[in-house]
Amino acid sequence: MKTKSLIILAGLFLFLCTSCSEQHSFTKKITGDWWPVHASGSMDNEVFTASWDGDLGDHGEIIVVCTSKDNPSLTVKKTVFYPALSFSKDTRKNESVRTVDLSSRDLKTSNYLKYKVENGTFYMETVSAEGTPTGEFGEGQPYKFLDDNTLKIGNVTYEAYSYYRKKHQSNSIVEMGGDSDYLPIRY
């Protein structure tokens, strides 16, 4: 019986070490700003259906064509924006992420939100209707580093901002930041 208990405790310890190791490794690779460059997705409600898969514009946008379910010849174009992500530590030294709204030149950020990674899945803290962090984590999304400068979270591919900036110097937001490798966020 003692041997069985020791094996279970050793397994639990190994699991905890692996989880902490994954979090530490992720945090080490991710610190900094990440720009959305590609996205796929779909939408299906009572009225319209749409799907998309393509590169994003200078403000993290993609044009989505919604098709009427009742009349397939009726379509509506909608612009969907994806935020940039800024990973750092908040004032309490927690590992945190802020979403950066790229839909205007103001680059508004969310509050600091906690994040965690477990078993190849990224979880981000949810926010209340007022926009304040809840302390609870939302549904996770699989993540994968495609290379040192490219990360995929769910259906969105991001590039490290410093890498993106070098490739897209004519982007109006990149121009605002000048030579800085950091997003020109307004607090």
N, C-alpha and C. Protein backbone atom coordinates (compact mmCIF):
# COMPACT_ATOMS: atom_id res chain seq x y z
N MET A 1 0.82 -1.20 0.00
CA MET A 1 0.00 0.00 0.00
C MET A 1 0.86 1.26 0.00
N LYS A 2 1.96 1.26 0.80
CA LYS A 2 2.84 2.42 0.84
C LYS A 2 3.50 2.64 -0.51
N THR A 3 3.86 1.56 -1.19
CA THR A 3 4.49 1.68 -2.50
C THR A 3 3.53 2.32 -3.49
N LYS A 4 2.28 1.90 -3.44
CA LYS A 4 1.26 2.46 -4.33
C LYS A 4 1.07 3.95 -4.07
N SER A 5 1.05 4.34 -2.79
CA SER A 5 0.91 5.76 -2.43
C SER A 5 2.11 6.56 -2.90
N LEU A 6 3.30 6.02 -2.76
CA LEU A 6 4.50 6.72 -3.21
C LEU A 6 4.50 6.91 -4.72
N ILE A 7 4.05 5.89 -5.44
CA ILE A 7 3.98 5.99 -6.91
C ILE A 7 2.98 7.07 -7.31
N ILE A 8 1.84 7.12 -6.66
CA ILE A 8 0.83 8.14 -6.95
C ILE A 8 1.37 9.52 -6.63
N LEU A 9 2.03 9.69 -5.47
CA LEU A 9 2.60 10.98 -5.11
C LEU A 9 3.70 11.40 -6.09
N ALA A 10 4.53 10.45 -6.51
CA ALA A 10 5.59 10.76 -7.47
C ALA A 10 4.98 11.19 -8.80
N GLY A 11 3.92 10.53 -9.24
CA GLY A 11 3.24 10.90 -10.48
C GLY A 11 2.63 12.29 -10.38
N LEU A 12 2.01 12.59 -9.24
CA LEU A 12 1.42 13.91 -9.03
C LEU A 12 2.51 14.98 -9.03
N PHE A 13 3.63 14.72 -8.37
CA PHE A 13 4.75 15.66 -8.34
C PHE A 13 5.29 15.90 -9.75
N LEU A 14 5.44 14.84 -10.53
CA LEU A 14 5.93 14.95 -11.89
C LEU A 14 4.96 15.78 -12.75
N PHE A 15 3.66 15.55 -12.57
CA PHE A 15 2.65 16.31 -13.30
C PHE A 15 2.74 17.80 -12.96
N LEU A 16 2.88 18.13 -11.67
CA LEU A 16 2.98 19.53 -11.26
C LEU A 16 4.24 20.17 -11.80
N CYS A 17 5.35 19.45 -11.79
CA CYS A 17 6.60 19.99 -12.33
C CYS A 17 6.48 20.24 -13.82
N THR A 18 5.84 19.34 -14.53
CA THR A 18 5.66 19.50 -15.97
C THR A 18 4.79 20.71 -16.27
N SER A 19 3.70 20.90 -15.50
CA SER A 19 2.81 22.05 -15.69
C SER A 19 3.56 23.35 -15.45
N CYS A 20 4.34 23.42 -14.36
CA CYS A 20 5.10 24.63 -14.06
C CYS A 20 6.14 24.88 -15.13
N SER A 21 6.76 23.83 -15.61
CA SER A 21 7.78 23.95 -16.64
C SER A 21 7.18 24.50 -17.93
N GLU A 22 6.00 24.02 -18.31
CA GLU A 22 5.33 24.51 -19.52
C GLU A 22 5.01 25.99 -19.38
N GLN A 23 4.49 26.39 -18.22
CA GLN A 23 4.15 27.80 -17.98
C GLN A 23 5.41 28.66 -18.06
N HIS A 24 6.48 28.23 -17.41
CA HIS A 24 7.74 29.00 -17.41
C HIS A 24 8.31 29.13 -18.82
N SER A 25 8.33 28.03 -19.55
CA SER A 25 8.86 28.03 -20.92
C SER A 25 8.04 28.95 -21.82
N PHE A 26 6.71 28.87 -21.71
CA PHE A 26 5.82 29.71 -22.50
C PHE A 26 6.08 31.18 -22.19
N THR A 27 6.11 31.53 -20.91
CA THR A 27 6.30 32.91 -20.48
C THR A 27 7.63 33.46 -20.98
N LYS A 28 8.66 32.64 -20.93
CA LYS A 28 9.98 33.07 -21.38
C LYS A 28 9.97 33.41 -22.88
N LYS A 29 9.25 32.61 -23.68
CA LYS A 29 9.19 32.82 -25.13
C LYS A 29 8.24 33.96 -25.52
N ILE A 30 7.23 34.22 -24.73
CA ILE A 30 6.12 35.07 -25.15
C ILE A 30 6.24 36.53 -24.71
N THR A 31 7.08 36.84 -23.73
CA THR A 31 7.14 38.19 -23.20
C THR A 31 7.37 39.21 -24.32
N GLY A 32 6.51 40.21 -24.36
CA GLY A 32 6.58 41.24 -25.39
C GLY A 32 5.25 41.37 -26.12
N ASP A 33 5.29 42.03 -27.27
CA ASP A 33 4.09 42.32 -28.05
C ASP A 33 3.99 41.38 -29.25
N TRP A 34 2.75 40.98 -29.58
CA TRP A 34 2.47 40.05 -30.68
C TRP A 34 1.37 40.61 -31.56
N TRP A 35 1.62 40.61 -32.87
CA TRP A 35 0.73 41.22 -33.86
C TRP A 35 -0.03 40.12 -34.61
N PRO A 36 -1.37 40.26 -34.74
CA PRO A 36 -2.15 39.25 -35.49
C PRO A 36 -1.92 39.38 -37.00
N VAL A 37 -1.60 38.28 -37.66
CA VAL A 37 -1.30 38.34 -39.10
C VAL A 37 -2.19 37.44 -39.96
N HIS A 38 -2.84 36.45 -39.36
CA HIS A 38 -3.68 35.52 -40.13
C HIS A 38 -4.76 34.98 -39.19
N ALA A 39 -5.95 34.78 -39.74
CA ALA A 39 -7.04 34.25 -38.92
C ALA A 39 -8.01 33.44 -39.77
N SER A 40 -8.62 32.50 -39.13
CA SER A 40 -9.71 31.75 -39.75
C SER A 40 -10.84 31.68 -38.73
N GLY A 41 -12.02 31.45 -39.22
CA GLY A 41 -13.16 31.35 -38.32
C GLY A 41 -14.44 31.16 -39.09
N SER A 42 -15.51 31.06 -38.34
CA SER A 42 -16.82 30.92 -38.96
C SER A 42 -17.87 31.51 -38.03
N MET A 43 -19.02 31.79 -38.62
CA MET A 43 -20.14 32.34 -37.89
C MET A 43 -21.39 31.71 -38.47
N ASP A 44 -22.28 31.30 -37.61
CA ASP A 44 -23.52 30.68 -38.06
C ASP A 44 -24.60 31.02 -37.05
N ASN A 45 -25.55 31.87 -37.45
CA ASN A 45 -26.67 32.19 -36.56
C ASN A 45 -27.98 31.93 -37.31
N GLU A 46 -29.07 32.43 -36.79
CA GLU A 46 -30.38 32.17 -37.41
C GLU A 46 -30.53 32.84 -38.77
N VAL A 47 -29.79 33.92 -39.02
CA VAL A 47 -29.97 34.71 -40.23
C VAL A 47 -28.84 34.53 -41.24
N PHE A 48 -27.59 34.58 -40.78
CA PHE A 48 -26.44 34.57 -41.67
C PHE A 48 -25.48 33.42 -41.35
N THR A 49 -24.65 33.13 -42.34
CA THR A 49 -23.55 32.19 -42.17
C THR A 49 -22.32 32.79 -42.86
N ALA A 50 -21.16 32.52 -42.33
CA ALA A 50 -19.92 33.03 -42.93
C ALA A 50 -18.75 32.19 -42.48
N SER A 51 -17.73 32.16 -43.30
CA SER A 51 -16.46 31.54 -42.90
C SER A 51 -15.35 32.33 -43.57
N TRP A 52 -14.18 32.34 -42.94
CA TRP A 52 -13.05 33.08 -43.47
C TRP A 52 -11.75 32.40 -43.10
N ASP A 53 -10.75 32.65 -43.90
CA ASP A 53 -9.41 32.12 -43.68
C ASP A 53 -8.48 32.95 -44.54
N GLY A 54 -7.74 33.88 -43.91
CA GLY A 54 -6.87 34.73 -44.72
C GLY A 54 -5.96 35.61 -43.89
N ASP A 55 -5.08 36.29 -44.61
CA ASP A 55 -4.16 37.23 -43.97
C ASP A 55 -4.93 38.45 -43.51
N LEU A 56 -4.45 39.05 -42.42
CA LEU A 56 -5.10 40.22 -41.84
C LEU A 56 -4.46 41.50 -42.36
N GLY A 57 -5.23 42.57 -42.38
CA GLY A 57 -4.75 43.87 -42.84
C GLY A 57 -3.89 44.56 -41.79
N ASP A 58 -3.52 45.80 -42.07
CA ASP A 58 -2.63 46.58 -41.22
C ASP A 58 -3.16 46.83 -39.81
N HIS A 59 -4.44 46.71 -39.62
CA HIS A 59 -5.05 46.93 -38.30
C HIS A 59 -5.64 45.64 -37.73
N GLY A 60 -5.13 44.50 -38.18
CA GLY A 60 -5.62 43.21 -37.69
C GLY A 60 -7.02 42.89 -38.18
N GLU A 61 -7.38 43.40 -39.36
CA GLU A 61 -8.75 43.24 -39.86
C GLU A 61 -8.83 42.26 -41.02
N ILE A 62 -10.02 41.71 -41.17
CA ILE A 62 -10.33 40.87 -42.33
C ILE A 62 -11.79 41.15 -42.70
N ILE A 63 -12.06 41.20 -44.00
CA ILE A 63 -13.43 41.41 -44.49
C ILE A 63 -14.10 40.04 -44.55
N VAL A 64 -15.23 39.92 -43.89
CA VAL A 64 -16.00 38.69 -43.85
C VAL A 64 -17.29 38.89 -44.63
N VAL A 65 -17.60 37.98 -45.52
CA VAL A 65 -18.84 38.04 -46.29
C VAL A 65 -19.86 37.12 -45.64
N CYS A 66 -20.93 37.73 -45.12
CA CYS A 66 -22.01 36.98 -44.48
C CYS A 66 -23.11 36.73 -45.52
N THR A 67 -23.55 35.48 -45.61
CA THR A 67 -24.56 35.09 -46.59
C THR A 67 -25.87 34.77 -45.88
N SER A 68 -26.96 35.31 -46.40
CA SER A 68 -28.28 35.07 -45.83
C SER A 68 -28.66 33.60 -46.00
N LYS A 69 -29.21 33.02 -44.96
CA LYS A 69 -29.67 31.62 -45.04
C LYS A 69 -30.95 31.51 -45.87
N ASP A 70 -31.80 32.55 -45.80
CA ASP A 70 -33.06 32.52 -46.55
C ASP A 70 -32.88 32.88 -48.02
N ASN A 71 -31.94 33.76 -48.31
CA ASN A 71 -31.72 34.23 -49.67
C ASN A 71 -30.21 34.28 -49.92
N PRO A 72 -29.61 33.19 -50.42
CA PRO A 72 -28.15 33.12 -50.61
C PRO A 72 -27.57 34.22 -51.51
N SER A 73 -28.41 34.88 -52.31
CA SER A 73 -27.89 35.97 -53.14
C SER A 73 -27.70 37.25 -52.32
N LEU A 74 -28.24 37.29 -51.11
CA LEU A 74 -28.10 38.45 -50.23
C LEU A 74 -26.86 38.26 -49.35
N THR A 75 -25.89 39.16 -49.52
CA THR A 75 -24.67 39.09 -48.71
C THR A 75 -24.41 40.44 -48.05
N VAL A 76 -23.74 40.40 -46.93
CA VAL A 76 -23.35 41.60 -46.20
C VAL A 76 -21.88 41.46 -45.84
N LYS A 77 -21.10 42.51 -46.11
CA LYS A 77 -19.69 42.49 -45.75
C LYS A 77 -19.52 43.10 -44.37
N LYS A 78 -18.71 42.44 -43.58
CA LYS A 78 -18.48 42.88 -42.21
C LYS A 78 -16.97 42.84 -41.96
N THR A 79 -16.44 43.84 -41.28
CA THR A 79 -15.02 43.84 -40.95
C THR A 79 -14.86 43.28 -39.54
N VAL A 80 -14.03 42.26 -39.41
CA VAL A 80 -13.72 41.65 -38.12
C VAL A 80 -12.29 42.03 -37.76
N PHE A 81 -12.09 42.57 -36.57
CA PHE A 81 -10.77 42.97 -36.10
C PHE A 81 -10.27 41.98 -35.06
N TYR A 82 -8.99 41.68 -35.12
CA TYR A 82 -8.33 40.84 -34.12
C TYR A 82 -7.34 41.70 -33.36
N PRO A 83 -7.30 41.58 -32.03
CA PRO A 83 -6.40 42.43 -31.25
C PRO A 83 -4.96 41.91 -31.26
N ALA A 84 -4.03 42.82 -31.01
CA ALA A 84 -2.65 42.43 -30.74
C ALA A 84 -2.62 41.99 -29.28
N LEU A 85 -1.59 41.28 -28.89
CA LEU A 85 -1.43 40.82 -27.51
C LEU A 85 -0.13 41.37 -26.95
N SER A 86 -0.17 41.82 -25.70
CA SER A 86 1.01 42.34 -25.04
C SER A 86 1.21 41.56 -23.73
N PHE A 87 2.26 40.76 -23.68
CA PHE A 87 2.54 39.90 -22.53
C PHE A 87 3.61 40.54 -21.65
N SER A 88 3.34 40.60 -20.34
CA SER A 88 4.30 41.16 -19.39
C SER A 88 3.91 40.72 -17.98
N LYS A 89 4.28 41.50 -17.02
CA LYS A 89 3.85 41.27 -15.64
C LYS A 89 3.05 42.49 -15.21
N ASP A 90 1.99 42.24 -14.43
CA ASP A 90 1.20 43.37 -13.95
C ASP A 90 1.88 43.96 -12.70
N THR A 91 1.27 44.93 -12.07
CA THR A 91 1.88 45.61 -10.92
C THR A 91 2.08 44.68 -9.73
N ARG A 92 1.37 43.57 -9.68
CA ARG A 92 1.54 42.59 -8.61
C ARG A 92 2.54 41.50 -9.01
N LYS A 93 3.19 41.67 -10.15
CA LYS A 93 4.19 40.74 -10.68
C LYS A 93 3.59 39.43 -11.16
N ASN A 94 2.28 39.42 -11.44
CA ASN A 94 1.65 38.24 -12.03
C ASN A 94 1.95 38.23 -13.51
N GLU A 95 2.11 37.05 -14.08
CA GLU A 95 2.23 36.94 -15.53
C GLU A 95 0.89 37.36 -16.10
N SER A 96 0.93 38.29 -17.05
CA SER A 96 -0.33 38.84 -17.54
C SER A 96 -0.26 39.15 -19.02
N VAL A 97 -1.43 39.39 -19.58
CA VAL A 97 -1.57 39.75 -20.99
C VAL A 97 -2.60 40.86 -21.09
N ARG A 98 -2.37 41.76 -22.03
CA ARG A 98 -3.36 42.78 -22.35
C ARG A 98 -3.69 42.65 -23.82
N THR A 99 -4.95 42.80 -24.15
CA THR A 99 -5.33 42.83 -25.56
C THR A 99 -5.27 44.28 -26.01
N VAL A 100 -4.84 44.49 -27.25
CA VAL A 100 -4.68 45.83 -27.79
C VAL A 100 -5.60 45.97 -28.99
N ASP A 101 -6.57 46.87 -28.90
CA ASP A 101 -7.52 47.11 -29.98
C ASP A 101 -6.83 47.87 -31.10
N LEU A 102 -6.72 47.25 -32.26
CA LEU A 102 -6.03 47.85 -33.41
C LEU A 102 -6.98 48.55 -34.38
N SER A 103 -8.27 48.62 -34.04
CA SER A 103 -9.25 49.14 -34.98
C SER A 103 -9.18 50.66 -35.17
N SER A 104 -8.43 51.37 -34.32
CA SER A 104 -8.25 52.81 -34.50
C SER A 104 -6.80 53.16 -34.17
N ARG A 105 -6.44 54.40 -34.36
CA ARG A 105 -5.07 54.82 -34.07
C ARG A 105 -4.82 54.99 -32.58
N ASP A 106 -5.86 54.91 -31.74
CA ASP A 106 -5.70 55.12 -30.31
C ASP A 106 -5.08 53.92 -29.58
N LEU A 107 -5.14 52.74 -30.16
CA LEU A 107 -4.56 51.53 -29.58
C LEU A 107 -4.92 51.36 -28.10
N LYS A 108 -6.19 51.22 -27.84
CA LYS A 108 -6.67 51.04 -26.48
C LYS A 108 -6.33 49.62 -26.01
N THR A 109 -5.96 49.51 -24.74
CA THR A 109 -5.62 48.20 -24.18
C THR A 109 -6.64 47.80 -23.13
N SER A 110 -6.73 46.49 -22.94
CA SER A 110 -7.57 45.98 -21.86
C SER A 110 -6.82 46.13 -20.55
N ASN A 111 -7.48 45.79 -19.46
CA ASN A 111 -6.79 45.68 -18.18
C ASN A 111 -5.82 44.51 -18.27
N TYR A 112 -4.92 44.44 -17.29
CA TYR A 112 -4.06 43.26 -17.20
C TYR A 112 -4.94 42.05 -16.92
N LEU A 113 -4.75 41.00 -17.70
CA LEU A 113 -5.49 39.76 -17.50
C LEU A 113 -4.49 38.64 -17.25
N LYS A 114 -4.80 37.79 -16.30
CA LYS A 114 -3.92 36.65 -16.03
C LYS A 114 -4.07 35.64 -17.17
N TYR A 115 -3.04 34.84 -17.34
CA TYR A 115 -3.12 33.74 -18.30
C TYR A 115 -2.42 32.53 -17.72
N LYS A 116 -2.73 31.39 -18.27
CA LYS A 116 -2.03 30.16 -17.90
C LYS A 116 -2.01 29.24 -19.11
N VAL A 117 -1.05 28.35 -19.11
CA VAL A 117 -0.96 27.33 -20.15
C VAL A 117 -0.86 25.97 -19.48
N GLU A 118 -1.58 25.02 -20.03
CA GLU A 118 -1.56 23.65 -19.53
C GLU A 118 -1.80 22.71 -20.70
N ASN A 119 -0.94 21.72 -20.83
CA ASN A 119 -1.11 20.68 -21.85
C ASN A 119 -1.36 21.23 -23.25
N GLY A 120 -0.57 22.24 -23.65
CA GLY A 120 -0.70 22.80 -24.99
C GLY A 120 -1.92 23.68 -25.19
N THR A 121 -2.54 24.11 -24.10
CA THR A 121 -3.74 24.96 -24.19
C THR A 121 -3.49 26.27 -23.45
N PHE A 122 -3.88 27.37 -24.09
CA PHE A 122 -3.73 28.72 -23.54
C PHE A 122 -5.07 29.16 -22.96
N TYR A 123 -5.05 29.63 -21.71
CA TYR A 123 -6.25 30.12 -21.04
C TYR A 123 -6.03 31.58 -20.66
N MET A 124 -7.03 32.43 -20.88
CA MET A 124 -6.95 33.83 -20.51
C MET A 124 -8.10 34.16 -19.56
N GLU A 125 -7.82 35.03 -18.61
CA GLU A 125 -8.82 35.47 -17.64
C GLU A 125 -9.99 36.14 -18.36
N THR A 126 -11.19 35.89 -17.90
CA THR A 126 -12.38 36.52 -18.48
C THR A 126 -12.60 37.89 -17.85
N VAL A 127 -13.43 38.70 -18.50
CA VAL A 127 -13.76 40.01 -17.96
C VAL A 127 -15.28 40.11 -17.76
N SER A 128 -15.67 40.95 -16.83
CA SER A 128 -17.09 41.18 -16.57
C SER A 128 -17.67 42.08 -17.66
N ALA A 129 -18.97 42.32 -17.58
CA ALA A 129 -19.63 43.21 -18.55
C ALA A 129 -19.05 44.63 -18.48
N GLU A 130 -18.50 45.00 -17.32
CA GLU A 130 -17.90 46.33 -17.14
C GLU A 130 -16.44 46.36 -17.61
N GLY A 131 -15.90 45.19 -17.98
CA GLY A 131 -14.52 45.13 -18.47
C GLY A 131 -13.48 44.87 -17.41
N THR A 132 -13.90 44.53 -16.20
CA THR A 132 -12.93 44.24 -15.14
C THR A 132 -12.63 42.75 -15.09
N PRO A 133 -11.39 42.40 -14.76
CA PRO A 133 -11.02 40.98 -14.67
C PRO A 133 -11.83 40.25 -13.61
N THR A 134 -12.22 39.00 -13.91
CA THR A 134 -13.07 38.23 -12.99
C THR A 134 -12.29 37.28 -12.09
N GLY A 135 -11.04 36.98 -12.44
CA GLY A 135 -10.28 35.98 -11.68
C GLY A 135 -10.55 34.57 -12.16
N GLU A 136 -11.44 34.41 -13.13
CA GLU A 136 -11.76 33.09 -13.68
C GLU A 136 -11.22 33.00 -15.10
N PHE A 137 -10.87 31.80 -15.51
CA PHE A 137 -10.33 31.61 -16.84
C PHE A 137 -11.41 31.12 -17.80
N GLY A 138 -11.34 31.62 -19.04
CA GLY A 138 -12.28 31.23 -20.08
C GLY A 138 -11.89 29.90 -20.71
N GLU A 139 -12.61 29.55 -21.73
CA GLU A 139 -12.34 28.31 -22.47
C GLU A 139 -10.97 28.42 -23.11
N GLY A 140 -10.19 27.41 -22.97
CA GLY A 140 -8.83 27.43 -23.51
C GLY A 140 -8.80 27.21 -25.02
N GLN A 141 -7.68 27.62 -25.61
CA GLN A 141 -7.44 27.42 -27.04
C GLN A 141 -6.06 26.80 -27.20
N PRO A 142 -5.93 25.88 -28.13
CA PRO A 142 -4.61 25.28 -28.34
C PRO A 142 -3.62 26.34 -28.83
N TYR A 143 -2.37 26.19 -28.41
CA TYR A 143 -1.34 27.10 -28.89
C TYR A 143 -0.16 26.30 -29.41
N LYS A 144 0.61 26.96 -30.30
CA LYS A 144 1.79 26.30 -30.84
C LYS A 144 2.74 27.36 -31.37
N PHE A 145 4.01 27.28 -30.99
CA PHE A 145 5.03 28.16 -31.56
C PHE A 145 5.42 27.55 -32.90
N LEU A 146 5.21 28.31 -33.99
CA LEU A 146 5.56 27.82 -35.32
C LEU A 146 7.04 28.03 -35.60
N ASP A 147 7.61 29.07 -35.01
CA ASP A 147 9.05 29.33 -35.01
C ASP A 147 9.29 30.37 -33.91
N ASP A 148 10.49 30.92 -33.81
CA ASP A 148 10.79 31.88 -32.74
C ASP A 148 9.97 33.16 -32.81
N ASN A 149 9.48 33.51 -33.99
CA ASN A 149 8.75 34.76 -34.18
C ASN A 149 7.27 34.58 -34.49
N THR A 150 6.79 33.35 -34.51
CA THR A 150 5.42 33.09 -34.93
C THR A 150 4.73 32.15 -33.95
N LEU A 151 3.54 32.55 -33.52
CA LEU A 151 2.76 31.80 -32.54
C LEU A 151 1.33 31.70 -33.04
N LYS A 152 0.74 30.53 -32.89
CA LYS A 152 -0.66 30.35 -33.23
C LYS A 152 -1.42 30.04 -31.95
N ILE A 153 -2.45 30.84 -31.67
CA ILE A 153 -3.35 30.60 -30.54
C ILE A 153 -4.74 30.44 -31.13
N GLY A 154 -5.30 29.25 -30.99
CA GLY A 154 -6.60 28.98 -31.59
C GLY A 154 -6.50 29.11 -33.09
N ASN A 155 -7.34 29.96 -33.68
CA ASN A 155 -7.37 30.15 -35.13
C ASN A 155 -6.66 31.43 -35.58
N VAL A 156 -5.86 32.02 -34.69
CA VAL A 156 -5.17 33.27 -35.02
C VAL A 156 -3.66 33.06 -34.94
N THR A 157 -2.96 33.51 -35.98
CA THR A 157 -1.51 33.43 -36.01
C THR A 157 -0.95 34.83 -35.72
N TYR A 158 0.02 34.88 -34.83
CA TYR A 158 0.65 36.14 -34.41
C TYR A 158 2.13 36.10 -34.76
N GLU A 159 2.69 37.29 -35.02
CA GLU A 159 4.13 37.43 -35.17
C GLU A 159 4.62 38.34 -34.06
N ALA A 160 5.84 38.06 -33.55
CA ALA A 160 6.45 38.96 -32.59
C ALA A 160 6.46 40.36 -33.21
N TYR A 161 6.06 41.37 -32.45
CA TYR A 161 5.92 42.71 -33.02
C TYR A 161 7.22 43.21 -33.63
N SER A 162 8.35 42.96 -32.99
CA SER A 162 9.62 43.45 -33.54
C SER A 162 9.88 42.84 -34.92
N TYR A 163 9.52 41.59 -35.10
CA TYR A 163 9.67 40.90 -36.39
C TYR A 163 8.68 41.47 -37.40
N TYR A 164 7.42 41.63 -36.99
CA TYR A 164 6.38 42.20 -37.86
C TYR A 164 6.76 43.61 -38.30
N ARG A 165 7.24 44.42 -37.35
CA ARG A 165 7.57 45.82 -37.62
C ARG A 165 8.61 45.94 -38.73
N LYS A 166 9.60 45.05 -38.73
CA LYS A 166 10.65 45.10 -39.76
C LYS A 166 10.09 44.78 -41.14
N LYS A 167 9.08 43.95 -41.22
CA LYS A 167 8.49 43.55 -42.50
C LYS A 167 7.44 44.54 -43.00
N HIS A 168 6.85 45.33 -42.10
CA HIS A 168 5.71 46.18 -42.46
C HIS A 168 5.92 47.62 -41.99
N GLN A 169 6.97 48.26 -42.42
CA GLN A 169 7.27 49.61 -41.95
C GLN A 169 6.31 50.66 -42.47
N SER A 170 5.53 50.34 -43.52
CA SER A 170 4.57 51.33 -44.04
C SER A 170 3.23 51.27 -43.32
N ASN A 171 3.04 50.35 -42.39
CA ASN A 171 1.82 50.27 -41.61
C ASN A 171 1.72 51.53 -40.74
N SER A 172 0.55 52.20 -40.72
CA SER A 172 0.40 53.47 -40.00
C SER A 172 0.65 53.32 -38.50
N ILE A 173 0.30 52.20 -37.92
CA ILE A 173 0.54 52.00 -36.49
C ILE A 173 2.04 51.81 -36.24
N VAL A 174 2.70 51.06 -37.09
CA VAL A 174 4.14 50.85 -36.97
C VAL A 174 4.86 52.19 -37.10
N GLU A 175 4.42 53.03 -38.04
CA GLU A 175 5.03 54.35 -38.22
C GLU A 175 4.92 55.19 -36.96
N MET A 176 3.80 55.07 -36.22
CA MET A 176 3.61 55.84 -34.99
C MET A 176 4.68 55.49 -33.96
N GLY A 177 5.13 54.23 -33.93
CA GLY A 177 6.10 53.79 -32.94
C GLY A 177 7.54 54.09 -33.30
N GLY A 178 7.77 54.54 -34.52
CA GLY A 178 9.14 54.85 -34.94
C GLY A 178 10.03 53.62 -34.91
N ASP A 179 11.20 53.76 -34.30
CA ASP A 179 12.18 52.66 -34.26
C ASP A 179 11.96 51.70 -33.10
N SER A 180 10.95 51.93 -32.30
CA SER A 180 10.72 51.11 -31.12
C SER A 180 10.21 49.71 -31.48
N ASP A 181 10.69 48.72 -30.75
CA ASP A 181 10.20 47.35 -30.91
C ASP A 181 8.98 47.07 -30.06
N TYR A 182 8.39 48.14 -29.49
CA TYR A 182 7.19 48.00 -28.67
C TYR A 182 6.02 48.70 -29.34
N LEU A 183 4.84 48.14 -29.16
CA LEU A 183 3.64 48.77 -29.69
C LEU A 183 3.48 50.18 -29.11
N PRO A 184 3.09 51.16 -29.91
CA PRO A 184 2.90 52.53 -29.40
C PRO A 184 1.57 52.66 -28.68
N ILE A 185 1.44 51.97 -27.55
CA ILE A 185 0.19 51.92 -26.78
C ILE A 185 0.01 53.22 -26.02
N ARG A 186 -1.22 53.73 -26.03
CA ARG A 186 -1.56 54.92 -25.24
C ARG A 186 -2.28 54.47 -23.99
N TYR A 187 -1.75 54.82 -22.85
CA TYR A 187 -2.31 54.37 -21.55
C TYR A 187 -3.35 55.31 -21.05
